[in-house]
Amino acid sequence: METLTLRLETQGRSGKKVTLVNGFTRRSEELEEFAARIKKTCGTGGTVRGMSLEIQGDAREKIRFLLTQWGFRVLGH
């Protein structure tokens, strides 16, 4: 079971909120698929940067729910 960290960031983003998900150890193709599914479910944009996801806005609860459903352990708030 992979352990991921979830956090909200506003610093350096002109006051806009971004939900960050770090700790992925899978292939980048799988990460792109996770990002697409999360963005569609949350109805927002986002991107993959390195081995982490950046989702626009504060979508921590929805993302936490999705990731736990997919078998990940999620830390952070």
PDB file of N, CA and C in Angstrom:
ATOM      1  N   MET A   1       0.841  -1.175   0.000  1.00  0.00           N
ATOM      2  CA  MET A   1       0.000   0.000   0.000  1.00  0.00           C
ATOM      3  C   MET A   1       0.890   1.244   0.000  1.00  0.00           C
ATOM      4  N   GLU A   2       0.695   2.102  -0.995  1.00  0.00           N
ATOM      5  CA  GLU A   2       1.447   3.349  -1.075  1.00  0.00           C
ATOM      6  C   GLU A   2       0.886   4.364  -0.093  1.00  0.00           C
ATOM      7  N   THR A   3       1.776   5.140   0.501  1.00  0.00           N
ATOM      8  CA  THR A   3       1.366   6.214   1.398  1.00  0.00           C
ATOM      9  C   THR A   3       1.598   7.538   0.692  1.00  0.00           C
ATOM     10  N   LEU A   4       0.532   8.324   0.567  1.00  0.00           N
ATOM     11  CA  LEU A   4       0.595   9.616  -0.102  1.00  0.00           C
ATOM     12  C   LEU A   4       0.357  10.726   0.906  1.00  0.00           C
ATOM     13  N   THR A   5       0.921  11.902   0.640  1.00  0.00           N
ATOM     14  CA  THR A   5       0.661  13.065   1.486  1.00  0.00           C
ATOM     15  C   THR A   5      -0.178  14.061   0.706  1.00  0.00           C
ATOM     16  N   LEU A   6      -1.122  14.643   1.396  1.00  0.00           N
ATOM     17  CA  LEU A   6      -2.072  15.573   0.809  1.00  0.00           C
ATOM     18  C   LEU A   6      -1.948  16.895   1.542  1.00  0.00           C
ATOM     19  N   ARG A   7      -1.822  18.006   0.796  1.00  0.00           N
ATOM     20  CA  ARG A   7      -1.739  19.308   1.461  1.00  0.00           C
ATOM     21  C   ARG A   7      -2.262  20.405   0.541  1.00  0.00           C
ATOM     22  N   LEU A   8      -2.618  21.509   1.147  1.00  0.00           N
ATOM     23  CA  LEU A   8      -3.118  22.671   0.437  1.00  0.00           C
ATOM     24  C   LEU A   8      -2.019  23.719   0.417  1.00  0.00           C
ATOM     25  N   GLU A   9      -1.792  24.322  -0.734  1.00  0.00           N
ATOM     26  CA  GLU A   9      -0.732  25.314  -0.859  1.00  0.00           C
ATOM     27  C   GLU A   9      -1.274  26.563  -1.529  1.00  0.00           C
ATOM     28  N   THR A  10      -0.872  27.734  -1.025  1.00  0.00           N
ATOM     29  CA  THR A  10      -1.233  29.003  -1.655  1.00  0.00           C
ATOM     30  C   THR A  10      -0.001  29.858  -1.913  1.00  0.00           C
ATOM     31  N   GLN A  11       1.080  29.584  -1.224  1.00  0.00           N
ATOM     32  CA  GLN A  11       2.285  30.391  -1.332  1.00  0.00           C
ATOM     33  C   GLN A  11       2.869  30.336  -2.739  1.00  0.00           C
ATOM     34  N   GLY A  12       3.185  31.491  -3.298  1.00  0.00           N
ATOM     35  CA  GLY A  12       3.787  31.560  -4.621  1.00  0.00           C
ATOM     36  C   GLY A  12       2.798  31.332  -5.752  1.00  0.00           C
ATOM     37  N   ARG A  13       1.508  31.401  -5.465  1.00  0.00           N
ATOM     38  CA  ARG A  13       0.490  31.141  -6.486  1.00  0.00           C
ATOM     39  C   ARG A  13      -0.524  32.273  -6.556  1.00  0.00           C
ATOM     40  N   SER A  14      -0.103  33.469  -6.216  1.00  0.00           N
ATOM     41  CA  SER A  14      -0.956  34.664  -6.243  1.00  0.00           C
ATOM     42  C   SER A  14      -2.212  34.492  -5.401  1.00  0.00           C
ATOM     43  N   GLY A  15      -2.115  33.772  -4.286  1.00  0.00           N
ATOM     44  CA  GLY A  15      -3.238  33.581  -3.384  1.00  0.00           C
ATOM     45  C   GLY A  15      -4.219  32.502  -3.802  1.00  0.00           C
ATOM     46  N   LYS A  16      -3.976  31.861  -4.938  1.00  0.00           N
ATOM     47  CA  LYS A  16      -4.876  30.798  -5.389  1.00  0.00           C
ATOM     48  C   LYS A  16      -4.512  29.489  -4.707  1.00  0.00           C
ATOM     49  N   LYS A  17      -5.524  28.695  -4.400  1.00  0.00           N
ATOM     50  CA  LYS A  17      -5.306  27.431  -3.702  1.00  0.00           C
ATOM     51  C   LYS A  17      -5.027  26.306  -4.682  1.00  0.00           C
ATOM     52  N   VAL A  18      -4.097  25.442  -4.294  1.00  0.00           N
ATOM     53  CA  VAL A  18      -3.748  24.256  -5.069  1.00  0.00           C
ATOM     54  C   VAL A  18      -3.619  23.091  -4.104  1.00  0.00           C
ATOM     55  N   THR A  19      -4.263  21.973  -4.414  1.00  0.00           N
ATOM     56  CA  THR A  19      -4.143  20.770  -3.613  1.00  0.00           C
ATOM     57  C   THR A  19      -3.012  19.928  -4.183  1.00  0.00           C
ATOM     58  N   LEU A  20      -2.031  19.601  -3.352  1.00  0.00           N
ATOM     59  CA  LEU A  20      -0.878  18.811  -3.782  1.00  0.00           C
ATOM     60  C   LEU A  20      -0.972  17.388  -3.231  1.00  0.00           C
ATOM     61  N   VAL A  21      -0.662  16.423  -4.072  1.00  0.00           N
ATOM     62  CA  VAL A  21      -0.605  15.025  -3.666  1.00  0.00           C
ATOM     63  C   VAL A  21       0.806  14.535  -4.005  1.00  0.00           C
ATOM     64  N   ASN A  22       1.575  14.167  -2.984  1.00  0.00           N
ATOM     65  CA  ASN A  22       2.958  13.717  -3.153  1.00  0.00           C
ATOM     66  C   ASN A  22       3.115  12.290  -2.666  1.00  0.00           C
ATOM     67  N   GLY A  23       4.161  11.622  -3.153  1.00  0.00           N
ATOM     68  CA  GLY A  23       4.512  10.303  -2.649  1.00  0.00           C
ATOM     69  C   GLY A  23       4.257   9.163  -3.612  1.00  0.00           C
ATOM     70  N   PHE A  24       3.874   9.464  -4.844  1.00  0.00           N
ATOM     71  CA  PHE A  24       3.638   8.393  -5.816  1.00  0.00           C
ATOM     72  C   PHE A  24       4.949   7.719  -6.189  1.00  0.00           C
ATOM     73  N   THR A  25       4.897   6.413  -6.336  1.00  0.00           N
ATOM     74  CA  THR A  25       6.084   5.659  -6.751  1.00  0.00           C
ATOM     75  C   THR A  25       5.795   4.840  -8.005  1.00  0.00           C
ATOM     76  N   ARG A  26       4.713   5.145  -8.677  1.00  0.00           N
ATOM     77  CA  ARG A  26       4.315   4.392  -9.869  1.00  0.00           C
ATOM     78  C   ARG A  26       4.845   5.052 -11.131  1.00  0.00           C
ATOM     79  N   ARG A  27       4.595   4.403 -12.261  1.00  0.00           N
ATOM     80  CA  ARG A  27       5.025   4.939 -13.554  1.00  0.00           C
ATOM     81  C   ARG A  27       4.262   6.226 -13.871  1.00  0.00           C
ATOM     82  N   SER A  28       4.867   7.069 -14.678  1.00  0.00           N
ATOM     83  CA  SER A  28       4.248   8.347 -15.001  1.00  0.00           C
ATOM     84  C   SER A  28       2.948   8.173 -15.786  1.00  0.00           C
ATOM     85  N   GLU A  29       2.814   7.086 -16.549  1.00  0.00           N
ATOM     86  CA  GLU A  29       1.571   6.843 -17.290  1.00  0.00           C
ATOM     87  C   GLU A  29       0.413   6.611 -16.323  1.00  0.00           C
ATOM     88  N   GLU A  30       0.660   5.874 -15.254  1.00  0.00           N
ATOM     89  CA  GLU A  30      -0.371   5.636 -14.246  1.00  0.00           C
ATOM     90  C   GLU A  30      -0.713   6.931 -13.516  1.00  0.00           C
ATOM     91  N   LEU A  31       0.293   7.743 -13.266  1.00  0.00           N
ATOM     92  CA  LEU A  31       0.086   9.012 -12.597  1.00  0.00           C
ATOM     93  C   LEU A  31      -0.786   9.941 -13.447  1.00  0.00           C
ATOM     94  N   GLU A  32      -0.561   9.955 -14.740  1.00  0.00           N
ATOM     95  CA  GLU A  32      -1.388  10.748 -15.662  1.00  0.00           C
ATOM     96  C   GLU A  32      -2.837  10.270 -15.628  1.00  0.00           C
ATOM     97  N   GLU A  33      -3.031   8.954 -15.559  1.00  0.00           N
ATOM     98  CA  GLU A  33      -4.383   8.396 -15.496  1.00  0.00           C
ATOM     99  C   GLU A  33      -5.078   8.797 -14.192  1.00  0.00           C
ATOM    100  N   PHE A  34      -4.363   8.718 -13.066  1.00  0.00           N
ATOM    101  CA  PHE A  34      -4.927   9.153 -11.787  1.00  0.00           C
ATOM    102  C   PHE A  34      -5.310  10.628 -11.851  1.00  0.00           C
ATOM    103  N   ALA A  35      -4.435  11.446 -12.425  1.00  0.00           N
ATOM    104  CA  ALA A  35      -4.708  12.881 -12.522  1.00  0.00           C
ATOM    105  C   ALA A  35      -5.966  13.141 -13.337  1.00  0.00           C
ATOM    106  N   ALA A  36      -6.119  12.462 -14.456  1.00  0.00           N
ATOM    107  CA  ALA A  36      -7.300  12.656 -15.307  1.00  0.00           C
ATOM    108  C   ALA A  36      -8.577  12.273 -14.571  1.00  0.00           C
ATOM    109  N   ARG A  37      -8.537  11.172 -13.852  1.00  0.00           N
ATOM    110  CA  ARG A  37      -9.733  10.727 -13.118  1.00  0.00           C
ATOM    111  C   ARG A  37     -10.073  11.687 -11.979  1.00  0.00           C
ATOM    112  N   ILE A  38      -9.064  12.180 -11.275  1.00  0.00           N
ATOM    113  CA  ILE A  38      -9.295  13.119 -10.179  1.00  0.00           C
ATOM    114  C   ILE A  38      -9.838  14.435 -10.718  1.00  0.00           C
ATOM    115  N   LYS A  39      -9.240  14.948 -11.792  1.00  0.00           N
ATOM    116  CA  LYS A  39      -9.702  16.215 -12.366  1.00  0.00           C
ATOM    117  C   LYS A  39     -11.150  16.111 -12.841  1.00  0.00           C
ATOM    118  N   LYS A  40     -11.499  14.995 -13.445  1.00  0.00           N
ATOM    119  CA  LYS A  40     -12.864  14.817 -13.930  1.00  0.00           C
ATOM    120  C   LYS A  40     -13.852  14.754 -12.764  1.00  0.00           C
ATOM    121  N   THR A  41     -13.510  14.014 -11.721  1.00  0.00           N
ATOM    122  CA  THR A  41     -14.375  13.881 -10.563  1.00  0.00           C
ATOM    123  C   THR A  41     -14.552  15.211  -9.833  1.00  0.00           C
ATOM    124  N   CYS A  42     -13.473  15.971  -9.697  1.00  0.00           N
ATOM    125  CA  CYS A  42     -13.530  17.242  -8.974  1.00  0.00           C
ATOM    126  C   CYS A  42     -14.033  18.389  -9.852  1.00  0.00           C
ATOM    127  N   GLY A  43     -14.068  18.187 -11.147  1.00  0.00           N
ATOM    128  CA  GLY A  43     -14.528  19.231 -12.051  1.00  0.00           C
ATOM    129  C   GLY A  43     -13.590  20.418 -12.106  1.00  0.00           C
ATOM    130  N   THR A  44     -12.299  20.141 -12.078  1.00  0.00           N
ATOM    131  CA  THR A  44     -11.308  21.214 -12.055  1.00  0.00           C
ATOM    132  C   THR A  44     -10.085  20.814 -12.866  1.00  0.00           C
ATOM    133  N   GLY A  45      -9.168  21.734 -13.017  1.00  0.00           N
ATOM    134  CA  GLY A  45      -7.935  21.472 -13.748  1.00  0.00           C
ATOM    135  C   GLY A  45      -6.837  21.014 -12.822  1.00  0.00           C
ATOM    136  N   GLY A  46      -5.732  20.669 -13.417  1.00  0.00           N
ATOM    137  CA  GLY A  46      -4.589  20.238 -12.641  1.00  0.00           C
ATOM    138  C   GLY A  46      -3.490  19.735 -13.553  1.00  0.00           C
ATOM    139  N   THR A  47      -2.388  19.314 -12.960  1.00  0.00           N
ATOM    140  CA  THR A  47      -1.257  18.844 -13.739  1.00  0.00           C
ATOM    141  C   THR A  47      -0.434  17.847 -12.933  1.00  0.00           C
ATOM    142  N   VAL A  48       0.426  17.146 -13.630  1.00  0.00           N
ATOM    143  CA  VAL A  48       1.399  16.256 -13.007  1.00  0.00           C
ATOM    144  C   VAL A  48       2.749  16.955 -13.089  1.00  0.00           C
ATOM    145  N   ARG A  49       3.403  17.105 -11.955  1.00  0.00           N
ATOM    146  CA  ARG A  49       4.748  17.692 -11.915  1.00  0.00           C
ATOM    147  C   ARG A  49       5.669  16.702 -11.236  1.00  0.00           C
ATOM    148  N   GLY A  50       6.551  16.124 -12.025  1.00  0.00           N
ATOM    149  CA  GLY A  50       7.437  15.101 -11.479  1.00  0.00           C
ATOM    150  C   GLY A  50       6.631  13.902 -11.042  1.00  0.00           C
ATOM    151  N   MET A  51       6.708  13.564  -9.763  1.00  0.00           N
ATOM    152  CA  MET A  51       5.958  12.438  -9.206  1.00  0.00           C
ATOM    153  C   MET A  51       4.880  12.922  -8.243  1.00  0.00           C
ATOM    154  N   SER A  52       4.318  14.106  -8.518  1.00  0.00           N
ATOM    155  CA  SER A  52       3.240  14.621  -7.680  1.00  0.00           C
ATOM    156  C   SER A  52       2.140  15.207  -8.555  1.00  0.00           C
ATOM    157  N   LEU A  53       0.955  15.337  -7.967  1.00  0.00           N
ATOM    158  CA  LEU A  53      -0.192  15.920  -8.648  1.00  0.00           C
ATOM    159  C   LEU A  53      -0.491  17.286  -8.069  1.00  0.00           C
ATOM    160  N   GLU A  54      -0.865  18.235  -8.926  1.00  0.00           N
ATOM    161  CA  GLU A  54      -1.320  19.543  -8.500  1.00  0.00           C
ATOM    162  C   GLU A  54      -2.729  19.712  -9.050  1.00  0.00           C
ATOM    163  N   ILE A  55      -3.702  19.833  -8.164  1.00  0.00           N
ATOM    164  CA  ILE A  55      -5.096  19.987  -8.549  1.00  0.00           C
ATOM    165  C   ILE A  55      -5.555  21.377  -8.118  1.00  0.00           C
ATOM    166  N   GLN A  56      -6.180  22.113  -9.016  1.00  0.00           N
ATOM    167  CA  GLN A  56      -6.614  23.476  -8.714  1.00  0.00           C
ATOM    168  C   GLN A  56      -7.711  23.489  -7.659  1.00  0.00           C
ATOM    169  N   GLY A  57      -7.592  24.428  -6.735  1.00  0.00           N
ATOM    170  CA  GLY A  57      -8.605  24.601  -5.700  1.00  0.00           C
ATOM    171  C   GLY A  57      -8.386  23.693  -4.499  1.00  0.00           C
ATOM    172  N   ASP A  58      -9.301  23.806  -3.547  1.00  0.00           N
ATOM    173  CA  ASP A  58      -9.249  23.001  -2.325  1.00  0.00           C
ATOM    174  C   ASP A  58     -10.168  21.793  -2.505  1.00  0.00           C
ATOM    175  N   ALA A  59      -9.601  20.692  -2.972  1.00  0.00           N
ATOM    176  CA  ALA A  59     -10.378  19.475  -3.228  1.00  0.00           C
ATOM    177  C   ALA A  59      -9.883  18.332  -2.355  1.00  0.00           C
ATOM    178  N   ARG A  60      -9.360  18.649  -1.183  1.00  0.00           N
ATOM    179  CA  ARG A  60      -8.726  17.637  -0.332  1.00  0.00           C
ATOM    180  C   ARG A  60      -9.668  16.500   0.052  1.00  0.00           C
ATOM    181  N   GLU A  61     -10.887  16.810   0.432  1.00  0.00           N
ATOM    182  CA  GLU A  61     -11.809  15.755   0.881  1.00  0.00           C
ATOM    183  C   GLU A  61     -12.181  14.808  -0.261  1.00  0.00           C
ATOM    184  N   LYS A  62     -12.478  15.348  -1.430  1.00  0.00           N
ATOM    185  CA  LYS A  62     -12.815  14.503  -2.580  1.00  0.00           C
ATOM    186  C   LYS A  62     -11.623  13.633  -2.981  1.00  0.00           C
ATOM    187  N   ILE A  63     -10.440  14.242  -2.999  1.00  0.00           N
ATOM    188  CA  ILE A  63      -9.236  13.507  -3.400  1.00  0.00           C
ATOM    189  C   ILE A  63      -8.910  12.428  -2.372  1.00  0.00           C
ATOM    190  N   ARG A  64      -9.032  12.758  -1.083  1.00  0.00           N
ATOM    191  CA  ARG A  64      -8.777  11.760  -0.033  1.00  0.00           C
ATOM    192  C   ARG A  64      -9.711  10.559  -0.207  1.00  0.00           C
ATOM    193  N   PHE A  65     -10.992  10.829  -0.456  1.00  0.00           N
ATOM    194  CA  PHE A  65     -11.968   9.766  -0.645  1.00  0.00           C
ATOM    195  C   PHE A  65     -11.592   8.892  -1.851  1.00  0.00           C
ATOM    196  N   LEU A  66     -11.274   9.517  -2.977  1.00  0.00           N
ATOM    197  CA  LEU A  66     -10.915   8.759  -4.176  1.00  0.00           C
ATOM    198  C   LEU A  66      -9.680   7.896  -3.954  1.00  0.00           C
ATOM    199  N   LEU A  67      -8.656   8.487  -3.381  1.00  0.00           N
ATOM    200  CA  LEU A  67      -7.397   7.753  -3.194  1.00  0.00           C
ATOM    201  C   LEU A  67      -7.554   6.576  -2.240  1.00  0.00           C
ATOM    202  N   THR A  68      -8.337   6.746  -1.182  1.00  0.00           N
ATOM    203  CA  THR A  68      -8.548   5.617  -0.277  1.00  0.00           C
ATOM    204  C   THR A  68      -9.375   4.524  -0.957  1.00  0.00           C
ATOM    205  N   GLN A  69     -10.300   4.909  -1.819  1.00  0.00           N
ATOM    206  CA  GLN A  69     -11.070   3.925  -2.578  1.00  0.00           C
ATOM    207  C   GLN A  69     -10.165   3.134  -3.520  1.00  0.00           C
ATOM    208  N   TRP A  70      -9.113   3.767  -4.019  1.00  0.00           N
ATOM    209  CA  TRP A  70      -8.179   3.125  -4.944  1.00  0.00           C
ATOM    210  C   TRP A  70      -7.065   2.367  -4.219  1.00  0.00           C
ATOM    211  N   GLY A  71      -7.109   2.322  -2.888  1.00  0.00           N
ATOM    212  CA  GLY A  71      -6.161   1.512  -2.131  1.00  0.00           C
ATOM    213  C   GLY A  71      -4.939   2.231  -1.616  1.00  0.00           C
ATOM    214  N   PHE A  72      -4.931   3.548  -1.625  1.00  0.00           N
ATOM    215  CA  PHE A  72      -3.798   4.313  -1.111  1.00  0.00           C
ATOM    216  C   PHE A  72      -4.052   4.668   0.349  1.00  0.00           C
ATOM    217  N   ARG A  73      -2.981   4.868   1.090  1.00  0.00           N
ATOM    218  CA  ARG A  73      -3.059   5.398   2.447  1.00  0.00           C
ATOM    219  C   ARG A  73      -2.741   6.879   2.321  1.00  0.00           C
ATOM    220  N   VAL A  74      -3.601   7.745   2.845  1.00  0.00           N
ATOM    221  CA  VAL A  74      -3.465   9.193   2.665  1.00  0.00           C
ATOM    222  C   VAL A  74      -3.202   9.871   4.009  1.00  0.00           C
ATOM    223  N   LEU A  75      -2.105  10.624   4.079  1.00  0.00           N
ATOM    224  CA  LEU A  75      -1.744  11.387   5.263  1.00  0.00           C
ATOM    225  C   LEU A  75      -1.890  12.870   4.960  1.00  0.00           C
ATOM    226  N   GLY A  76      -1.929  13.689   5.980  1.00  0.00           N
ATOM    227  CA  GLY A  76      -2.013  15.128   5.802  1.00  0.00           C
ATOM    228  C   GLY A  76      -3.437  15.618   5.861  1.00  0.00           C
ATOM    229  N   HIS A  77      -3.567  16.929   5.764  1.00  0.00           N
ATOM    230  CA  HIS A  77      -4.892  17.538   5.821  1.00  0.00           C
ATOM    231  C   HIS A  77      -5.003  18.731   4.960  1.00  0.00           C
TER     232      HIS A  77
END
